[in-house]
C-alpha cells in the first residue's frame, strides 16, 4: 500500500499520510480538472516536516502546557517538550505517531492508533476522513486506556490558504491574549479588540496573530473572492473554541484550529475541566468532528 491515500468525490479531494501522524498532505477543490488548494499544500516530492502538512490532529490535548507537567486529582504528572525549539510540550503526540489503516475507500478512510504516552496518557484513537458533496469531514475519537482518570482534549490544526483578499467570518465572545512564550497573558479572556472581530466577513489581521477565541458557536466561513471560492466550517461540541494563527499578511497561510480548550488549560484558574477539557475515566471516550464544505461562486471578482 502506498504511503499516501487519496479520497475524492469529484468536487474535493484530500491526500492523507497515515504513517506520518495521519496528517493531510492536501485538501483541494476540483474544478474542470484543475486543483484549487483550500488548505496550504505540503511541499511536493519530500517527506513533510510536522508543521509543513496541510492539517494535523491534536490529541490528547491542544497547544502548549507550561510548568513541566500538570497536577490532577492530587497527582503530579510530568510532561516533556516534544517540538524542537519549543520549551513546552505542544499539541500532544497524535501528530507524531504512525497510524494504521483500518479501512479505506475512494471517498473515506478510517485510521487507528494506540499510544503509550505522552506522560501519563495511555490511549487508543480513531480518525475518519471522508469526502461527500464537496465537503471534507474529519472525525476523531479517543479512549482512555490508562489506569486512572485524566483530563483529555482534542482539536484539528489545518493550514488554510491565505490570499491577499481572504475574508473570515467566525463570531466569538472573547479572546485570550498571549505572552512572549505563547501562553495566556492573563487569568481570563478579554473583549475582542478592533481588527480581530469576525462577526461579519472581515480581512485577517495584517500582523502576527496567535490567539484562542472563546464563545464560538461552531460555525465559520472563509472566502477567497478573487478565486471565487468559499469554505464553510462546522464543528460540533466539544470543539467550542478556535485558535487563529498567522505570522503576517505575506505568509500565504493562516490556521483556523477548532479545539476543545484554550492554551495551557491545565494551569488556568479553575483547572482544566473548567476550561473545556474532559475528565475521562479508564474506558471512557471523547470525540469531536469538523466539516469543511467548499463551494465555487458563480462570478469570481
C-alpha atoms as a PDB file:
ATOM      1  CA  UNK A   1       0.000   0.000   0.000  1.00  0.00           C
ATOM      2  CA  UNK A   2       1.254   3.464  -0.855  1.00  0.00           C
ATOM      3  CA  UNK A   3       2.261   5.722   1.998  1.00  0.00           C
ATOM      4  CA  UNK A   4      -0.376   8.188   0.722  1.00  0.00           C
ATOM      5  CA  UNK A   5      -4.116   7.664   0.448  1.00  0.00           C
ATOM      6  CA  UNK A   6      -6.312   9.864  -1.742  1.00  0.00           C
ATOM      7  CA  UNK A   7     -10.039  10.360  -1.242  1.00  0.00           C
ATOM      8  CA  UNK A   8     -12.045  12.175  -3.914  1.00  0.00           C
ATOM      9  CA  UNK A   9     -15.748  12.804  -4.513  1.00  0.00           C
ATOM     10  CA  UNK A  10     -15.263  14.643  -7.817  1.00  0.00           C
ATOM     11  CA  UNK A  11     -15.658  18.029  -6.127  1.00  0.00           C
ATOM     12  CA  UNK A  12     -12.938  17.925  -3.473  1.00  0.00           C
ATOM     13  CA  UNK A  13     -10.006  15.659  -2.813  1.00  0.00           C
ATOM     14  CA  UNK A  14      -7.778  15.048   0.188  1.00  0.00           C
ATOM     15  CA  UNK A  15      -4.486  13.198   0.479  1.00  0.00           C
ATOM     16  CA  UNK A  16      -3.548  11.516   3.771  1.00  0.00           C
ATOM     17  CA  UNK A  17      -0.243  10.193   5.139  1.00  0.00           C
ATOM     18  CA  UNK A  18      -1.278   7.627   7.789  1.00  0.00           C
ATOM     19  CA  UNK A  19       2.258   6.740   8.875  1.00  0.00           C
ATOM     20  CA  UNK A  20       3.171  10.411   9.396  1.00  0.00           C
ATOM     21  CA  UNK A  21       0.787  11.381  12.168  1.00  0.00           C
ATOM     22  CA  UNK A  22      -2.298  10.817   9.990  1.00  0.00           C
ATOM     23  CA  UNK A  23      -1.555  14.240   8.511  1.00  0.00           C
ATOM     24  CA  UNK A  24      -3.230  15.698   5.437  1.00  0.00           C
ATOM     25  CA  UNK A  25      -0.876  16.463   2.575  1.00  0.00           C
ATOM     26  CA  UNK A  26      -3.512  18.298   0.542  1.00  0.00           C
ATOM     27  CA  UNK A  27      -7.140  19.375   0.527  1.00  0.00           C
ATOM     28  CA  UNK A  28      -8.254  20.807  -2.837  1.00  0.00           C
ATOM     29  CA  UNK A  29     -11.318  21.932  -4.732  1.00  0.00           C
ATOM     30  CA  UNK A  30     -11.544  20.021  -8.028  1.00  0.00           C
ATOM     31  CA  UNK A  31     -12.919  22.187 -10.822  1.00  0.00           C
ATOM     32  CA  UNK A  32     -12.646  21.476 -14.530  1.00  0.00           C
ATOM     33  CA  UNK A  33      -9.664  19.221 -13.975  1.00  0.00           C
ATOM     34  CA  UNK A  34      -7.834  21.950 -12.065  1.00  0.00           C
ATOM     35  CA  UNK A  35      -6.948  21.670  -8.380  1.00  0.00           C
ATOM     36  CA  UNK A  36      -7.608  24.775  -6.287  1.00  0.00           C
ATOM     37  CA  UNK A  37      -5.869  24.431  -2.896  1.00  0.00           C
ATOM     38  CA  UNK A  38      -8.117  25.079   0.097  1.00  0.00           C
ATOM     39  CA  UNK A  39      -5.542  24.057   2.693  1.00  0.00           C
ATOM     40  CA  UNK A  40      -1.921  25.029   2.083  1.00  0.00           C
ATOM     41  CA  UNK A  41      -0.376  22.013   0.308  1.00  0.00           C
ATOM     42  CA  UNK A  42       2.606  20.273   1.857  1.00  0.00           C
ATOM     43  CA  UNK A  43       5.813  20.565  -0.191  1.00  0.00           C
ATOM     44  CA  UNK A  44       5.833  18.119  -3.096  1.00  0.00           C
ATOM     45  CA  UNK A  45       8.398  15.397  -3.523  1.00  0.00           C
ATOM     46  CA  UNK A  46       9.585  15.224   0.065  1.00  0.00           C
ATOM     47  CA  UNK A  47       8.617  13.968   3.493  1.00  0.00           C
ATOM     48  CA  UNK A  48       6.855  16.952   5.070  1.00  0.00           C
ATOM     49  CA  UNK A  49       8.036  18.311   8.383  1.00  0.00           C
ATOM     50  CA  UNK A  50       5.298  18.275  11.008  1.00  0.00           C
ATOM     51  CA  UNK A  51       4.265  21.888  10.547  1.00  0.00           C
ATOM     52  CA  UNK A  52       4.503  21.689   6.743  1.00  0.00           C
ATOM     53  CA  UNK A  53       1.423  19.481   6.480  1.00  0.00           C
ATOM     54  CA  UNK A  54      -1.909  20.790   5.241  1.00  0.00           C
ATOM     55  CA  UNK A  55      -3.508  19.665   8.517  1.00  0.00           C
ATOM     56  CA  UNK A  56      -2.595  17.692  11.644  1.00  0.00           C
ATOM     57  CA  UNK A  57      -4.556  16.267  14.571  1.00  0.00           C
ATOM     58  CA  UNK A  58      -4.257  17.451  18.168  1.00  0.00           C
ATOM     59  CA  UNK A  59      -4.603  14.859  20.936  1.00  0.00           C
ATOM     60  CA  UNK A  60      -4.722  14.110  23.822  1.00  0.00           C
ATOM     61  CA  UNK A  61      -4.622  17.900  24.234  1.00  0.00           C
ATOM     62  CA  UNK A  62      -4.226  21.057  22.136  1.00  0.00           C
ATOM     63  CA  UNK A  63      -1.351  23.539  22.215  1.00  0.00           C
ATOM     64  CA  UNK A  64       1.207  24.247  24.957  1.00  0.00           C
ATOM     65  CA  UNK A  65       1.433  23.045  28.560  1.00  0.00           C
ATOM     66  CA  UNK A  66       3.575  25.076  30.957  1.00  0.00           C
ATOM     67  CA  UNK A  67       5.255  24.104  34.226  1.00  0.00           C
ATOM     68  CA  UNK A  68       6.805  20.827  33.132  1.00  0.00           C
ATOM     69  CA  UNK A  69       3.522  18.956  33.546  1.00  0.00           C
ATOM     70  CA  UNK A  70       0.266  19.202  35.483  1.00  0.00           C
ATOM     71  CA  UNK A  71      -1.466  18.158  38.687  1.00  0.00           C
ATOM     72  CA  UNK A  72      -4.779  16.359  38.543  1.00  0.00           C
ATOM     73  CA  UNK A  73      -6.763  14.861  41.398  1.00  0.00           C
ATOM     74  CA  UNK A  74      -3.828  15.073  43.745  1.00  0.00           C
ATOM     75  CA  UNK A  75      -1.197  13.545  41.453  1.00  0.00           C
ATOM     76  CA  UNK A  76       1.610  15.310  39.613  1.00  0.00           C
ATOM     77  CA  UNK A  77       2.145  14.229  36.000  1.00  0.00           C
ATOM     78  CA  UNK A  78       5.343  15.387  34.266  1.00  0.00           C
ATOM     79  CA  UNK A  79       5.329  16.135  30.526  1.00  0.00           C
ATOM     80  CA  UNK A  80       8.439  16.571  28.372  1.00  0.00           C
ATOM     81  CA  UNK A  81       8.849  19.019  25.465  1.00  0.00           C
ATOM     82  CA  UNK A  82       8.336  17.349  22.102  1.00  0.00           C
ATOM     83  CA  UNK A  83       8.838  20.037  19.419  1.00  0.00           C
ATOM     84  CA  UNK A  84      12.402  21.204  18.632  1.00  0.00           C
ATOM     85  CA  UNK A  85      12.914  24.792  19.732  1.00  0.00           C
ATOM     86  CA  UNK A  86       9.796  24.882  21.916  1.00  0.00           C
ATOM     87  CA  UNK A  87      10.363  24.667  25.695  1.00  0.00           C
ATOM     88  CA  UNK A  88       6.829  23.364  26.266  1.00  0.00           C
ATOM     89  CA  UNK A  89       5.116  20.106  25.341  1.00  0.00           C
ATOM     90  CA  UNK A  90       2.867  21.054  22.441  1.00  0.00           C
ATOM     91  CA  UNK A  91      -0.213  19.547  20.780  1.00  0.00           C
ATOM     92  CA  UNK A  92       0.023  16.155  22.469  1.00  0.00           C
ATOM     93  CA  UNK A  93       1.568  13.404  20.363  1.00  0.00           C
ATOM     94  CA  UNK A  94      -1.052  12.168  17.899  1.00  0.00           C
ATOM     95  CA  UNK A  95       0.625  14.083  15.077  1.00  0.00           C
ATOM     96  CA  UNK A  96       3.900  12.220  15.780  1.00  0.00           C
ATOM     97  CA  UNK A  97       2.559   8.666  15.607  1.00  0.00           C
ATOM     98  CA  UNK A  98       2.252   6.099  12.830  1.00  0.00           C
ATOM     99  CA  UNK A  99      -1.472   5.445  12.406  1.00  0.00           C
ATOM    100  CA  UNK A 100      -2.833   2.207  10.955  1.00  0.00           C
ATOM    101  CA  UNK A 101      -5.376   1.984   8.135  1.00  0.00           C
ATOM    102  CA  UNK A 102      -8.485   0.250   9.472  1.00  0.00           C
ATOM    103  CA  UNK A 103     -10.423   0.660   6.242  1.00  0.00           C
ATOM    104  CA  UNK A 104     -10.293   2.745   3.085  1.00  0.00           C
ATOM    105  CA  UNK A 105     -12.457   3.517   0.068  1.00  0.00           C
ATOM    106  CA  UNK A 106     -12.490   6.054  -2.736  1.00  0.00           C
ATOM    107  CA  UNK A 107     -14.225   8.599  -0.517  1.00  0.00           C
ATOM    108  CA  UNK A 108     -13.209   7.735   3.033  1.00  0.00           C
ATOM    109  CA  UNK A 109     -10.548   6.314   5.290  1.00  0.00           C
ATOM    110  CA  UNK A 110     -10.541   5.242   8.940  1.00  0.00           C
ATOM    111  CA  UNK A 111      -7.248   5.278  10.827  1.00  0.00           C
ATOM    112  CA  UNK A 112      -6.426   3.987  14.299  1.00  0.00           C
ATOM    113  CA  UNK A 113      -3.593   4.282  16.782  1.00  0.00           C
ATOM    114  CA  UNK A 114      -2.601   3.109  20.265  1.00  0.00           C
ATOM    115  CA  UNK A 115      -0.301   5.308  22.319  1.00  0.00           C
ATOM    116  CA  UNK A 116       1.738   4.706  25.477  1.00  0.00           C
ATOM    117  CA  UNK A 117       2.269   8.373  26.296  1.00  0.00           C
ATOM    118  CA  UNK A 118       2.886  11.226  26.411  1.00  0.00           C
ATOM    119  CA  UNK A 119       3.498  11.367  30.138  1.00  0.00           C
ATOM    120  CA  UNK A 120       0.687   9.586  31.995  1.00  0.00           C
ATOM    121  CA  UNK A 121      -1.555   9.198  28.944  1.00  0.00           C
ATOM    122  CA  UNK A 122      -2.375   5.761  27.565  1.00  0.00           C
ATOM    123  CA  UNK A 123      -4.997   5.941  24.859  1.00  0.00           C
ATOM    124  CA  UNK A 124      -6.479   4.486  21.705  1.00  0.00           C
ATOM    125  CA  UNK A 125      -7.875   6.740  18.995  1.00  0.00           C
ATOM    126  CA  UNK A 126      -9.670   6.557  15.677  1.00  0.00           C
ATOM    127  CA  UNK A 127      -9.697   9.183  12.950  1.00  0.00           C
ATOM    128  CA  UNK A 128     -12.039   9.324   9.974  1.00  0.00           C
ATOM    129  CA  UNK A 129     -11.507  11.415   6.862  1.00  0.00           C
ATOM    130  CA  UNK A 130     -14.462  11.410   4.436  1.00  0.00           C
ATOM    131  CA  UNK A 131     -15.474  13.473   1.412  1.00  0.00           C
ATOM    132  CA  UNK A 132     -19.020  13.883   0.069  1.00  0.00           C
ATOM    133  CA  UNK A 133     -20.828  16.671  -1.761  1.00  0.00           C
ATOM    134  CA  UNK A 134     -17.796  18.946  -1.813  1.00  0.00           C
ATOM    135  CA  UNK A 135     -17.191  18.586   1.924  1.00  0.00           C
ATOM    136  CA  UNK A 136     -14.366  17.074   3.944  1.00  0.00           C
ATOM    137  CA  UNK A 137     -15.334  15.712   7.353  1.00  0.00           C
ATOM    138  CA  UNK A 138     -12.722  14.908   9.978  1.00  0.00           C
ATOM    139  CA  UNK A 139     -13.951  12.938  12.989  1.00  0.00           C
ATOM    140  CA  UNK A 140     -11.784  11.825  15.897  1.00  0.00           C
ATOM    141  CA  UNK A 141     -12.500   9.713  18.987  1.00  0.00           C
ATOM    142  CA  UNK A 142     -10.111   8.969  21.855  1.00  0.00           C
ATOM    143  CA  UNK A 143     -10.426   6.388  24.645  1.00  0.00           C
ATOM    144  CA  UNK A 144      -8.573   6.500  27.957  1.00  0.00           C
ATOM    145  CA  UNK A 145      -6.691   3.204  28.162  1.00  0.00           C
ATOM    146  CA  UNK A 146      -4.773   4.189  31.298  1.00  0.00           C
ATOM    147  CA  UNK A 147      -5.338   3.131  34.896  1.00  0.00           C
ATOM    148  CA  UNK A 148      -6.576   6.473  36.226  1.00  0.00           C
ATOM    149  CA  UNK A 149      -8.790   9.371  35.209  1.00  0.00           C
ATOM    150  CA  UNK A 150      -7.121  12.225  33.317  1.00  0.00           C
ATOM    151  CA  UNK A 151      -8.191  15.447  31.558  1.00  0.00           C
ATOM    152  CA  UNK A 152      -8.380  14.971  27.793  1.00  0.00           C
ATOM    153  CA  UNK A 153      -8.764  17.443  24.947  1.00  0.00           C
ATOM    154  CA  UNK A 154      -8.553  17.408  21.176  1.00  0.00           C
ATOM    155  CA  UNK A 155      -8.601  19.562  18.086  1.00  0.00           C
ATOM    156  CA  UNK A 156      -7.766  19.923  14.403  1.00  0.00           C
ATOM    157  CA  UNK A 157      -4.981  22.120  13.045  1.00  0.00           C
ATOM    158  CA  UNK A 158      -5.388  22.987   9.341  1.00  0.00           C
ATOM    159  CA  UNK A 159      -3.238  25.496   7.474  1.00  0.00           C
ATOM    160  CA  UNK A 160      -5.604  27.310   5.106  1.00  0.00           C
ATOM    161  CA  UNK A 161      -4.528  29.229   2.036  1.00  0.00           C
ATOM    162  CA  UNK A 162      -4.207  32.967   2.698  1.00  0.00           C
ATOM    163  CA  UNK A 163      -4.695  35.148  -0.370  1.00  0.00           C
ATOM    164  CA  UNK A 164      -4.476  38.959  -0.191  1.00  0.00           C
ATOM    165  CA  UNK A 165      -8.287  39.194  -0.231  1.00  0.00           C
ATOM    166  CA  UNK A 166      -9.080  36.360   2.209  1.00  0.00           C
ATOM    167  CA  UNK A 167     -12.096  37.037   4.432  1.00  0.00           C
ATOM    168  CA  UNK A 168     -13.087  35.271   7.654  1.00  0.00           C
ATOM    169  CA  UNK A 169     -16.484  35.068   9.356  1.00  0.00           C
ATOM    170  CA  UNK A 170     -16.173  33.464  12.810  1.00  0.00           C
ATOM    171  CA  UNK A 171     -18.204  35.129  15.579  1.00  0.00           C
ATOM    172  CA  UNK A 172     -16.817  34.670  19.098  1.00  0.00           C
ATOM    173  CA  UNK A 173     -17.361  36.185  22.547  1.00  0.00           C
ATOM    174  CA  UNK A 174     -13.820  36.881  23.844  1.00  0.00           C
ATOM    175  CA  UNK A 175     -10.150  36.226  23.159  1.00  0.00           C
ATOM    176  CA  UNK A 176      -7.147  35.157  25.205  1.00  0.00           C
ATOM    177  CA  UNK A 177      -4.131  37.411  24.907  1.00  0.00           C
ATOM    178  CA  UNK A 178      -0.736  35.689  24.867  1.00  0.00           C
ATOM    179  CA  UNK A 179       2.655  36.384  26.394  1.00  0.00           C
ATOM    180  CA  UNK A 180       6.105  36.072  24.806  1.00  0.00           C
ATOM    181  CA  UNK A 181       6.065  32.313  25.400  1.00  0.00           C
ATOM    182  CA  UNK A 182       2.727  31.898  23.581  1.00  0.00           C
ATOM    183  CA  UNK A 183       0.941  31.163  26.854  1.00  0.00           C
ATOM    184  CA  UNK A 184      -2.128  33.023  28.184  1.00  0.00           C
ATOM    185  CA  UNK A 185      -1.139  36.512  29.311  1.00  0.00           C
ATOM    186  CA  UNK A 186      -3.876  36.729  31.969  1.00  0.00           C
ATOM    187  CA  UNK A 187      -6.303  34.684  34.000  1.00  0.00           C
ATOM    188  CA  UNK A 188      -9.319  35.476  31.825  1.00  0.00           C
ATOM    189  CA  UNK A 189     -10.101  36.145  28.169  1.00  0.00           C
ATOM    190  CA  UNK A 190     -10.711  39.784  27.229  1.00  0.00           C
ATOM    191  CA  UNK A 191     -13.157  41.566  24.910  1.00  0.00           C
ATOM    192  CA  UNK A 192     -12.162  41.131  21.283  1.00  0.00           C
ATOM    193  CA  UNK A 193     -10.182  44.166  20.093  1.00  0.00           C
ATOM    194  CA  UNK A 194     -10.819  46.050  16.868  1.00  0.00           C
ATOM    195  CA  UNK A 195      -9.369  44.208  13.896  1.00  0.00           C
ATOM    196  CA  UNK A 196      -9.893  40.804  15.492  1.00  0.00           C
ATOM    197  CA  UNK A 197     -13.692  40.755  15.446  1.00  0.00           C
ATOM    198  CA  UNK A 198     -15.106  38.411  12.820  1.00  0.00           C
ATOM    199  CA  UNK A 199     -18.824  38.855  13.462  1.00  0.00           C
ATOM    200  CA  UNK A 200     -19.011  39.864   9.800  1.00  0.00           C
ATOM    201  CA  UNK A 201     -16.782  38.666   6.977  1.00  0.00           C
ATOM    202  CA  UNK A 202     -13.555  40.597   7.548  1.00  0.00           C
ATOM    203  CA  UNK A 203      -9.948  40.641   6.388  1.00  0.00           C
ATOM    204  CA  UNK A 204      -7.405  38.838   8.522  1.00  0.00           C
ATOM    205  CA  UNK A 205      -5.074  40.977  10.658  1.00  0.00           C
ATOM    206  CA  UNK A 206      -2.071  42.254   8.709  1.00  0.00           C
ATOM    207  CA  UNK A 207       0.348  41.425  11.509  1.00  0.00           C
ATOM    208  CA  UNK A 208       1.078  38.438  13.729  1.00  0.00           C
ATOM    209  CA  UNK A 209      -1.825  36.732  15.468  1.00  0.00           C
ATOM    210  CA  UNK A 210      -1.813  33.561  17.568  1.00  0.00           C
ATOM    211  CA  UNK A 211      -4.815  33.688  19.882  1.00  0.00           C
ATOM    212  CA  UNK A 212      -7.552  31.466  21.268  1.00  0.00           C
ATOM    213  CA  UNK A 213     -11.115  32.720  20.802  1.00  0.00           C
ATOM    214  CA  UNK A 214     -13.817  31.771  23.330  1.00  0.00           C
ATOM    215  CA  UNK A 215     -17.574  31.505  22.926  1.00  0.00           C
ATOM    216  CA  UNK A 216     -17.548  30.242  19.356  1.00  0.00           C
ATOM    217  CA  UNK A 217     -20.773  28.645  18.162  1.00  0.00           C
ATOM    218  CA  UNK A 218     -19.019  26.171  15.859  1.00  0.00           C
ATOM    219  CA  UNK A 219     -19.781  27.915  12.562  1.00  0.00           C
ATOM    220  CA  UNK A 220     -17.320  29.871  10.410  1.00  0.00           C
ATOM    221  CA  UNK A 221     -16.798  30.811   6.782  1.00  0.00           C
ATOM    222  CA  UNK A 222     -13.688  31.594   4.756  1.00  0.00           C
ATOM    223  CA  UNK A 223     -13.937  33.398   1.403  1.00  0.00           C
ATOM    224  CA  UNK A 224     -11.350  33.891  -1.327  1.00  0.00           C
ATOM    225  CA  UNK A 225     -13.231  36.367  -3.584  1.00  0.00           C
ATOM    226  CA  UNK A 226     -10.642  36.606  -6.347  1.00  0.00           C
ATOM    227  CA  UNK A 227     -10.672  32.824  -6.729  1.00  0.00           C
ATOM    228  CA  UNK A 228     -14.442  32.615  -6.363  1.00  0.00           C
ATOM    229  CA  UNK A 229     -14.175  30.090  -3.546  1.00  0.00           C
ATOM    230  CA  UNK A 230     -15.737  29.765  -0.105  1.00  0.00           C
ATOM    231  CA  UNK A 231     -15.234  27.260   2.684  1.00  0.00           C
ATOM    232  CA  UNK A 232     -17.871  26.765   5.358  1.00  0.00           C
ATOM    233  CA  UNK A 233     -16.593  25.326   8.645  1.00  0.00           C
ATOM    234  CA  UNK A 234     -18.922  23.482  11.017  1.00  0.00           C
ATOM    235  CA  UNK A 235     -17.650  21.993  14.272  1.00  0.00           C
ATOM    236  CA  UNK A 236     -19.567  20.018  16.874  1.00  0.00           C
ATOM    237  CA  UNK A 237     -19.074  20.079  20.633  1.00  0.00           C
ATOM    238  CA  UNK A 238     -16.682  19.878  22.382  1.00  0.00           C
ATOM    239  CA  UNK A 239     -14.929  21.991  19.715  1.00  0.00           C
ATOM    240  CA  UNK A 240     -16.349  25.280  21.019  1.00  0.00           C
ATOM    241  CA  UNK A 241     -13.225  27.420  20.646  1.00  0.00           C
ATOM    242  CA  UNK A 242     -10.835  28.229  17.843  1.00  0.00           C
ATOM    243  CA  UNK A 243      -7.244  29.330  17.637  1.00  0.00           C
ATOM    244  CA  UNK A 244      -6.378  31.770  14.870  1.00  0.00           C
ATOM    245  CA  UNK A 245      -2.735  31.879  13.813  1.00  0.00           C
ATOM    246  CA  UNK A 246      -0.928  33.660  11.009  1.00  0.00           C
ATOM    247  CA  UNK A 247       2.565  35.192  11.028  1.00  0.00           C
ATOM    248  CA  UNK A 248       1.756  38.029   8.600  1.00  0.00           C
ATOM    249  CA  UNK A 249      -0.271  39.003   5.555  1.00  0.00           C
ATOM    250  CA  UNK A 250       2.576  37.764   3.349  1.00  0.00           C
ATOM    251  CA  UNK A 251       2.741  34.298   4.931  1.00  0.00           C
ATOM    252  CA  UNK A 252       0.468  32.651   2.371  1.00  0.00           C
ATOM    253  CA  UNK A 253      -1.413  30.739   5.076  1.00  0.00           C
ATOM    254  CA  UNK A 254      -3.422  31.071   8.253  1.00  0.00           C
ATOM    255  CA  UNK A 255      -4.514  28.446  10.751  1.00  0.00           C
ATOM    256  CA  UNK A 256      -8.086  28.149  11.940  1.00  0.00           C
ATOM    257  CA  UNK A 257      -7.999  25.441  14.619  1.00  0.00           C
ATOM    258  CA  UNK A 258     -11.253  24.140  16.133  1.00  0.00           C
ATOM    259  CA  UNK A 259     -10.262  22.981  19.642  1.00  0.00           C
ATOM    260  CA  UNK A 260     -11.877  21.876  22.894  1.00  0.00           C
ATOM    261  CA  UNK A 261      -9.927  24.123  25.253  1.00  0.00           C
ATOM    262  CA  UNK A 262      -7.664  27.195  25.366  1.00  0.00           C
ATOM    263  CA  UNK A 263      -3.878  27.140  25.568  1.00  0.00           C
ATOM    264  CA  UNK A 264      -2.466  25.771  28.863  1.00  0.00           C
ATOM    265  CA  UNK A 265      -5.914  24.922  30.213  1.00  0.00           C
ATOM    266  CA  UNK A 266      -4.242  22.695  32.808  1.00  0.00           C
ATOM    267  CA  UNK A 267      -2.914  25.783  34.626  1.00  0.00           C
ATOM    268  CA  UNK A 268      -5.709  28.316  34.161  1.00  0.00           C
ATOM    269  CA  UNK A 269      -7.791  29.363  37.202  1.00  0.00           C
ATOM    270  CA  UNK A 270     -10.352  26.698  37.993  1.00  0.00           C
ATOM    271  CA  UNK A 271      -8.309  23.968  36.317  1.00  0.00           C
ATOM    272  CA  UNK A 272      -8.624  22.096  33.031  1.00  0.00           C
ATOM    273  CA  UNK A 273     -12.194  20.860  33.469  1.00  0.00           C
ATOM    274  CA  UNK A 274     -13.367  24.442  33.956  1.00  0.00           C
ATOM    275  CA  UNK A 275     -11.862  25.350  30.580  1.00  0.00           C
ATOM    276  CA  UNK A 276     -13.214  22.664  28.294  1.00  0.00           C
ATOM    277  CA  UNK A 277     -11.041  19.638  28.941  1.00  0.00           C
ATOM    278  CA  UNK A 278     -12.977  16.477  29.789  1.00  0.00           C
ATOM    279  CA  UNK A 279     -12.297  14.036  32.620  1.00  0.00           C
ATOM    280  CA  UNK A 280     -12.098  10.545  31.153  1.00  0.00           C
ATOM    281  CA  UNK A 281     -12.045   7.574  33.489  1.00  0.00           C
ATOM    282  CA  UNK A 282     -10.448   4.396  32.119  1.00  0.00           C
ATOM    283  CA  UNK A 283     -12.552   3.146  29.207  1.00  0.00           C
ATOM    284  CA  UNK A 284     -14.362   6.438  28.613  1.00  0.00           C
ATOM    285  CA  UNK A 285     -14.335   8.277  25.255  1.00  0.00           C
ATOM    286  CA  UNK A 286     -14.135  11.835  23.922  1.00  0.00           C
ATOM    287  CA  UNK A 287     -14.928  12.672  20.308  1.00  0.00           C
ATOM    288  CA  UNK A 288     -15.012  15.692  18.026  1.00  0.00           C
ATOM    289  CA  UNK A 289     -15.989  16.381  14.409  1.00  0.00           C
ATOM    290  CA  UNK A 290     -15.420  19.242  11.994  1.00  0.00           C
ATOM    291  CA  UNK A 291     -16.620  19.592   8.396  1.00  0.00           C
ATOM    292  CA  UNK A 292     -15.181  21.871   5.702  1.00  0.00           C
ATOM    293  CA  UNK A 293     -17.601  22.459   2.819  1.00  0.00           C
ATOM    294  CA  UNK A 294     -16.248  24.099  -0.336  1.00  0.00           C
ATOM    295  CA  UNK A 295     -18.269  25.992  -2.888  1.00  0.00           C
ATOM    296  CA  UNK A 296     -17.317  27.784  -6.112  1.00  0.00           C
ATOM    297  CA  UNK A 297     -19.000  31.122  -6.633  1.00  0.00           C
ATOM    298  CA  UNK A 298     -20.632  31.772  -9.980  1.00  0.00           C
ATOM    299  CA  UNK A 299     -18.799  35.022 -10.676  1.00  0.00           C
ATOM    300  CA  UNK A 300     -15.290  35.424  -9.271  1.00  0.00           C
ATOM    301  CA  UNK A 301     -14.135  39.014  -8.911  1.00  0.00           C
END
